[in-house]
Protein backbone atom coordinates (compact mmCIF):
# COMPACT_ATOMS: atom_id res chain seq x y z
CA UNK A 1 8.49 48.78 -18.99
CA UNK A 2 9.82 47.28 -15.75
CA UNK A 3 12.57 44.69 -16.09
CA UNK A 4 11.69 41.18 -15.00
CA UNK A 5 13.83 38.14 -14.27
CA UNK A 6 14.24 35.24 -16.67
CA UNK A 7 16.10 31.94 -16.34
CA UNK A 8 18.46 31.71 -19.31
CA UNK A 9 20.66 28.81 -18.26
CA UNK A 10 20.49 25.83 -15.94
CA UNK A 11 22.91 23.20 -14.65
CA UNK A 12 23.17 20.53 -12.01
CA UNK A 13 25.77 18.23 -10.56
CA UNK A 14 25.41 15.02 -8.57
CA UNK A 15 28.41 13.18 -7.11
CA UNK A 16 28.98 9.80 -8.78
CA UNK A 17 28.74 7.67 -5.63
CA UNK A 18 25.29 6.07 -5.38
CA UNK A 19 24.09 4.95 -1.94
CA UNK A 20 21.05 2.68 -2.08
CA UNK A 21 18.62 1.84 0.68
CA UNK A 22 20.18 -1.61 0.83
CA UNK A 23 23.59 0.01 1.34
CA UNK A 24 22.22 1.84 4.38
CA UNK A 25 20.48 -1.30 5.62
CA UNK A 26 23.89 -2.97 5.76
CA UNK A 27 25.01 -0.31 8.26
CA UNK A 28 21.91 0.52 10.30
CA UNK A 29 18.64 -1.11 11.37
CA UNK A 30 16.48 -0.22 8.38
CA UNK A 31 15.31 -1.70 5.08
CA UNK A 32 14.56 -0.70 1.53
CA UNK A 33 10.88 -1.39 2.18
CA UNK A 34 10.79 0.77 5.33
CA UNK A 35 12.49 3.75 3.65
CA UNK A 36 10.53 3.49 0.41
CA UNK A 37 7.12 3.25 2.09
CA UNK A 38 7.72 6.24 4.34
CA UNK A 39 9.64 8.54 2.02
CA UNK A 40 9.61 7.35 -1.59
CA UNK A 41 13.42 7.36 -1.59
CA UNK A 42 15.29 4.50 -3.28
CA UNK A 43 18.81 5.93 -3.48
CA UNK A 44 20.86 9.08 -3.02
CA UNK A 45 24.26 10.48 -3.98
CA UNK A 46 26.97 11.03 -1.37
CA UNK A 47 30.30 12.74 -1.90
CA UNK A 48 33.69 11.29 -1.12
CA UNK A 49 36.36 13.31 0.67
CA UNK A 50 37.68 15.92 -0.05
CA UNK A 51 34.66 17.14 -2.11
CA UNK A 52 33.00 20.23 -0.65
CA UNK A 53 29.76 22.11 -1.18
CA UNK A 54 31.49 24.74 -3.29
CA UNK A 55 32.96 21.96 -5.46
CA UNK A 56 29.45 20.73 -6.27
CA UNK A 57 28.31 24.31 -6.81
CA UNK A 58 31.20 24.90 -9.20
CA UNK A 59 30.20 22.01 -11.45
CA UNK A 60 26.53 23.00 -11.54
CA UNK A 61 27.38 26.67 -12.09
CA UNK A 62 29.77 25.91 -14.94
CA UNK A 63 27.04 23.99 -16.74
CA UNK A 64 24.48 26.73 -16.09
CA UNK A 65 26.79 29.39 -17.53
CA UNK A 66 27.48 27.26 -20.60
CA UNK A 67 23.73 26.71 -21.00
CA UNK A 68 23.17 30.47 -20.91
CA UNK A 69 26.04 31.13 -23.30
CA UNK A 70 27.85 33.44 -20.89
CA UNK A 71 30.99 33.32 -18.77
CA UNK A 72 31.92 34.13 -15.16
CA UNK A 73 33.01 37.61 -16.24
CA UNK A 74 29.47 38.37 -17.40
CA UNK A 75 27.97 37.99 -13.91
CA UNK A 76 26.90 40.94 -11.77
CA UNK A 77 26.22 38.88 -8.63
CA UNK A 78 26.38 35.39 -7.10
CA UNK A 79 23.70 34.16 -4.68
CA UNK A 80 24.25 30.71 -3.15
CA UNK A 81 21.78 28.89 -0.92
CA UNK A 82 23.14 26.22 1.43
CA UNK A 83 22.88 24.91 4.99
CA UNK A 84 26.13 22.95 4.60
CA UNK A 85 28.83 25.58 4.08
CA UNK A 86 32.44 24.70 3.35
CA UNK A 87 33.38 26.55 6.54
CA UNK A 88 31.53 28.44 9.28
CA UNK A 89 32.77 31.63 7.63
CA UNK A 90 33.26 33.20 5.17
CA UNK A 91 30.23 32.37 3.07
CA UNK A 92 30.43 29.55 0.56
CA UNK A 93 29.47 31.96 -2.23
CA UNK A 94 32.90 33.56 -1.81
CA UNK A 95 34.66 30.21 -2.22
CA UNK A 96 32.54 29.56 -5.31
CA UNK A 97 33.39 33.00 -6.68
CA UNK A 98 37.11 32.24 -6.49
CA UNK A 99 36.81 28.72 -7.94
CA UNK A 100 34.60 29.93 -10.78
CA UNK A 101 36.91 32.91 -11.37
CA UNK A 102 34.14 35.49 -11.10
CA UNK A 103 35.89 38.90 -11.18
CA UNK A 104 36.92 40.56 -7.92
CA UNK A 105 34.39 43.14 -6.82
CA UNK A 106 31.31 41.22 -7.94
CA UNK A 107 29.09 40.71 -4.86
CA UNK A 108 28.66 37.15 -3.60
CA UNK A 109 26.30 36.19 -0.78
CA UNK A 110 24.97 33.14 1.04
CA UNK A 111 21.33 32.47 1.83
CA UNK A 112 20.81 30.22 4.87
CA UNK A 113 17.16 29.23 4.51
CA UNK A 114 17.62 25.47 4.32
CA UNK A 115 15.03 23.65 2.19
CA UNK A 116 13.44 26.93 1.11
CA UNK A 117 16.87 28.32 0.24
CA UNK A 118 16.54 28.26 -3.53
CA UNK A 119 13.16 30.01 -3.46
CA UNK A 120 14.58 32.68 -1.15
CA UNK A 121 17.72 33.05 -3.28
CA UNK A 122 15.65 33.34 -6.45
CA UNK A 123 13.52 36.01 -4.81
CA UNK A 124 16.64 37.95 -3.80
CA UNK A 125 17.94 37.78 -7.36
CA UNK A 126 14.55 38.78 -8.74
CA UNK A 127 14.50 41.96 -6.64
CA UNK A 128 18.01 42.97 -7.68
CA UNK A 129 17.18 42.41 -11.34
CA UNK A 130 13.90 44.33 -11.14
CA UNK A 131 15.56 47.35 -9.56
CA UNK A 132 18.36 47.44 -12.11
CA UNK A 133 21.11 46.73 -9.55
CA UNK A 134 22.16 43.79 -11.73
CA UNK A 135 21.50 42.45 -15.20
CA UNK A 136 22.73 38.88 -14.74
CA UNK A 137 22.88 36.81 -11.53
CA UNK A 138 24.02 33.26 -10.81
CA UNK A 139 21.66 31.54 -8.35
CA UNK A 140 22.86 28.28 -6.81
CA UNK A 141 21.55 25.67 -4.40
CA UNK A 142 24.21 23.24 -3.17
CA UNK A 143 24.50 20.79 -0.29
CA UNK A 144 26.83 18.19 1.19
CA UNK A 145 24.77 16.40 3.85
CA UNK A 146 26.56 13.07 3.99
CA UNK A 147 29.49 14.31 6.06
CA UNK A 148 27.17 15.53 8.82
CA UNK A 149 24.74 12.65 9.27
CA UNK A 150 24.52 10.21 12.15
CA UNK A 151 24.61 6.98 10.16
CA UNK A 152 23.72 4.78 13.12
CA UNK A 153 20.55 3.23 14.49
CA UNK A 154 20.02 6.29 16.65
CA UNK A 155 20.13 8.68 13.71
CA UNK A 156 18.48 6.53 11.06
CA UNK A 157 15.19 8.47 10.81
CA UNK A 158 17.11 11.51 9.55
CA UNK A 159 20.15 10.00 7.84
CA UNK A 160 18.12 8.03 5.29
CA UNK A 161 16.48 11.21 3.99
CA UNK A 162 19.39 13.24 2.67
CA UNK A 163 21.62 13.31 -0.37
CA UNK A 164 24.32 15.56 -1.80
CA UNK A 165 24.03 17.64 -4.96
CA UNK A 166 23.87 21.07 -6.55
CA UNK A 167 21.74 22.96 -9.03
CA UNK A 168 22.25 26.39 -10.55
CA UNK A 169 20.47 28.84 -12.82
CA UNK A 170 21.50 32.02 -14.57
CA UNK A 171 18.85 34.71 -14.13
CA UNK A 172 18.87 37.73 -16.40
CA UNK A 173 16.83 40.92 -16.63
CA UNK A 174 14.36 40.84 -19.49
CA UNK A 175 11.53 42.93 -20.92
CA UNK A 176 8.19 41.13 -21.05
CA UNK A 177 5.89 42.13 -23.88
CA UNK A 178 3.49 39.18 -23.62
CA UNK A 179 3.21 37.66 -20.11
CA UNK A 180 1.28 34.70 -21.49
CA UNK A 181 4.18 33.65 -23.70
CA UNK A 182 7.44 35.42 -22.80
CA UNK A 183 9.67 33.51 -20.33
CA UNK A 184 9.98 35.29 -16.96
CA UNK A 185 9.54 34.95 -13.22
CA UNK A 186 6.04 36.19 -12.43
CA UNK A 187 6.32 36.45 -8.64
CA UNK A 188 7.89 35.04 -5.48
CA UNK A 189 6.36 34.68 -2.03
CA UNK A 190 8.35 34.14 1.17
CA UNK A 191 7.34 33.20 4.72
CA UNK A 192 8.80 32.03 8.03
CA UNK A 193 7.71 31.07 11.54
CA UNK A 194 10.56 30.65 14.02
CA UNK A 195 8.28 29.00 16.55
CA UNK A 196 9.00 25.74 14.75
CA UNK A 197 12.76 26.24 14.63
CA UNK A 198 13.59 23.41 17.01
CA UNK A 199 11.37 20.90 15.21
CA UNK A 200 14.04 20.60 12.53
CA UNK A 201 17.48 21.88 13.45
CA UNK A 202 21.14 21.28 14.13
CA UNK A 203 21.62 22.21 17.80
CA UNK A 204 25.43 22.47 17.84
CA UNK A 205 27.97 23.85 17.43
CA UNK A 206 26.89 27.43 17.99
CA UNK A 207 27.12 30.61 19.97
CA UNK A 208 24.15 29.63 22.14
CA UNK A 209 26.63 27.65 24.26
CA UNK A 210 29.39 28.82 26.56
CA UNK A 211 31.81 27.38 24.00
CA UNK A 212 31.15 27.30 20.26
CA UNK A 213 32.20 23.64 20.13
CA UNK A 214 32.85 21.08 22.86
CA UNK A 215 33.32 17.37 23.44
CA UNK A 216 30.03 17.37 25.38
CA UNK A 217 28.12 18.47 22.26
CA UNK A 218 29.63 15.62 20.28
CA UNK A 219 28.98 13.09 23.04
CA UNK A 220 25.35 14.18 23.33
CA UNK A 221 24.84 13.84 19.59
CA UNK A 222 23.91 17.52 19.27
CA UNK A 223 26.18 17.89 16.24
CA UNK A 224 23.70 15.83 14.19
CA UNK A 225 20.35 17.05 12.77
CA UNK A 226 17.24 16.57 14.92
CA UNK A 227 13.70 16.34 13.58
CA UNK A 228 10.16 16.15 14.93
CA UNK A 229 8.88 14.21 11.96
CA UNK A 230 5.17 14.57 12.67
CA UNK A 231 5.36 18.33 13.12
CA UNK A 232 7.41 18.77 9.96
CA UNK A 233 5.00 16.65 7.93
CA UNK A 234 1.86 18.45 9.09
CA UNK A 235 3.34 21.92 8.65
CA UNK A 236 4.90 21.09 5.29
CA UNK A 237 1.62 19.92 3.80
CA UNK A 238 -0.28 22.91 5.17
CA UNK A 239 2.26 25.60 4.26
CA UNK A 240 3.20 24.29 0.82
CA UNK A 241 -0.48 24.05 -0.11
CA UNK A 242 -0.99 27.62 1.06
CA UNK A 243 2.07 28.78 -0.85
CA UNK A 244 0.83 27.32 -4.12
CA UNK A 245 -2.57 28.96 -3.68
CA UNK A 246 -0.90 32.27 -2.82
CA UNK A 247 1.27 32.40 -5.93
CA UNK A 248 -1.65 31.45 -8.18
CA UNK A 249 -4.00 34.02 -6.64
CA UNK A 250 -1.32 36.73 -6.91
CA UNK A 251 -1.19 36.14 -10.65
CA UNK A 252 -4.89 35.44 -11.21
CA UNK A 253 -3.95 32.01 -12.56
CA UNK A 254 -6.28 29.03 -12.05
CA UNK A 255 -4.57 25.85 -10.91
CA UNK A 256 -5.54 24.23 -14.20
CA UNK A 257 -3.35 26.76 -16.05
CA UNK A 258 -0.19 25.40 -14.46
CA UNK A 259 1.62 22.95 -16.72
CA UNK A 260 4.09 21.61 -14.17
CA UNK A 261 4.54 21.67 -10.40
CA UNK A 262 8.07 21.38 -9.02
CA UNK A 263 7.98 20.95 -5.26
CA UNK A 264 10.82 20.66 -2.79
CA UNK A 265 11.84 17.02 -2.46
CA UNK A 266 11.73 16.27 1.26
CA UNK A 267 9.36 13.33 1.28
CA UNK A 268 7.24 11.92 -1.53
CA UNK A 269 4.34 11.48 0.89
CA UNK A 270 4.33 15.24 1.59
CA UNK A 271 4.16 16.06 -2.11
CA UNK A 272 1.42 13.50 -2.66
CA UNK A 273 -0.60 15.00 0.20
CA UNK A 274 -0.19 18.53 -1.19
CA UNK A 275 -1.26 17.36 -4.64
CA UNK A 276 -4.28 15.57 -3.26
CA UNK A 277 -5.31 18.56 -1.15
CA UNK A 278 -5.13 20.90 -4.16
CA UNK A 279 -6.51 18.49 -6.73
CA UNK A 280 -3.34 18.41 -8.82
CA UNK A 281 -3.11 15.46 -11.25
CA UNK A 282 -0.06 13.28 -10.43
CA UNK A 283 1.25 13.60 -13.99
CA UNK A 284 1.70 17.36 -13.46
CA UNK A 285 4.00 16.92 -10.44
CA UNK A 286 7.67 16.31 -11.18
CA UNK A 287 9.58 14.38 -8.52
CA UNK A 288 13.23 13.35 -8.22
CA UNK A 289 13.30 12.18 -4.61
CA UNK A 290 13.40 8.48 -5.51
CA UNK A 291 16.84 8.91 -7.12
CA UNK A 292 18.43 11.82 -5.27
CA UNK A 293 16.66 12.03 -1.86
CA UNK A 294 16.50 15.43 -0.13
CA UNK A 295 19.28 17.71 -1.35
CA UNK A 296 17.72 20.65 0.52
CA UNK A 297 18.49 23.93 -1.31
CA UNK A 298 19.40 21.99 -4.45
CA UNK A 299 16.19 19.99 -4.95
CA UNK A 300 14.30 22.58 -6.98
CA UNK A 301 17.01 23.53 -9.50
CA UNK A 302 17.88 19.83 -9.85
CA UNK A 303 14.19 19.13 -10.43
CA UNK A 304 13.89 21.84 -13.08
CA UNK A 305 17.00 20.53 -14.81
CA UNK A 306 15.79 16.94 -14.81
CA UNK A 307 12.35 18.00 -16.06
CA UNK A 308 13.98 19.75 -19.02
CA UNK A 309 16.18 16.75 -19.76
CA UNK A 310 13.21 14.37 -19.69
CA UNK A 311 11.06 16.63 -21.86
CA UNK A 312 8.54 17.27 -19.08
CA UNK A 313 9.39 20.98 -19.07
CA UNK A 314 9.10 22.79 -22.39
CA UNK A 315 9.47 26.47 -23.38
CA UNK A 316 6.33 28.47 -22.70
CA UNK A 317 5.10 26.25 -19.88
CA UNK A 318 3.77 27.78 -16.67
CA UNK A 319 5.60 26.31 -13.66
CA UNK A 320 4.63 26.55 -9.99
CA UNK A 321 7.35 25.99 -7.40
CA UNK A 322 6.88 25.56 -3.65
CA UNK A 323 9.13 24.60 -0.75
CA UNK A 324 9.02 24.12 3.02
CA UNK A 325 11.84 23.55 5.44
CA UNK A 326 13.71 24.25 8.63
CA UNK A 327 13.08 27.55 10.28
CA UNK A 328 10.22 26.99 9.69
CA UNK A 329 10.45 28.64 6.29
CA UNK A 330 8.32 28.26 3.20
CA UNK A 331 7.72 29.97 -0.09
CA UNK A 332 6.60 29.72 -3.68
CA UNK A 333 7.15 31.20 -7.10
CA UNK A 334 5.46 31.12 -10.47
CA UNK A 335 7.43 31.30 -13.69
CA UNK A 336 6.93 31.08 -17.41
CA UNK A 337 9.67 28.80 -18.72
């Protein structure tokens, strides 16, 4: 019997500082009504210096390990998804490894797939568990956006969207005797199309310039995220809908069989459009964007955690996950909780 992956522990961490839409309206030309109507966001969490991405990851990971009843020394691998690393290099997974006191020699790697990062990281872990390379892997999604946003009138369309936070799961190899009841990850599906890379990106700093970093890049505002909102919206609805259909067809599961849908939290209007397109009842879609905004690679594990805490996610449920983000990248997975 081939080993499969199973989530045995979950944790999340959100910084205590709450930033409401009214707080942002006091700094830039926007309003609670404008943000809520267009995004569904009411508030988000932002860190205070000197908190880093690996600090958030540490808190979420510690809770996930406790939830699984294991310790850092029981891990065979660490996979961390983020677009907001502590430093340009080395990878943030290495900083997390040291802070968590995971033994030297255990592999730790970053996944830089932005909003689809957790789906990609989970797929990576799934492959390593299936092949027997590892028996227990920590998978983390963590982001600190607030330090890199243009909180001015010029950057308001992007800056209102993002929050800081982290989510983590422990994935372990398991034998599945009854796929209809035993908890496991059924399948993952990954995609990308670099033709849309510049529709949602951070132009600078980078090696595409004659100098990695310069005053000109800062003056031009190229050190802040740029987004073609219309393109992102259209592609997100199309690709996430396709990703859900793909994962269901791969497992011969009708959409009615899914108990809960946990989508990436970029914009509530995107998730509503996907649900409408696929005929998913609103009560089956779990959203957190109103409280936490877009935490990129962390939205899905935070969503799973919150669903468990609120009783919306129970053992034995079939869960469909889908995400879309910068790259463009998108993906999905189906799991029995």
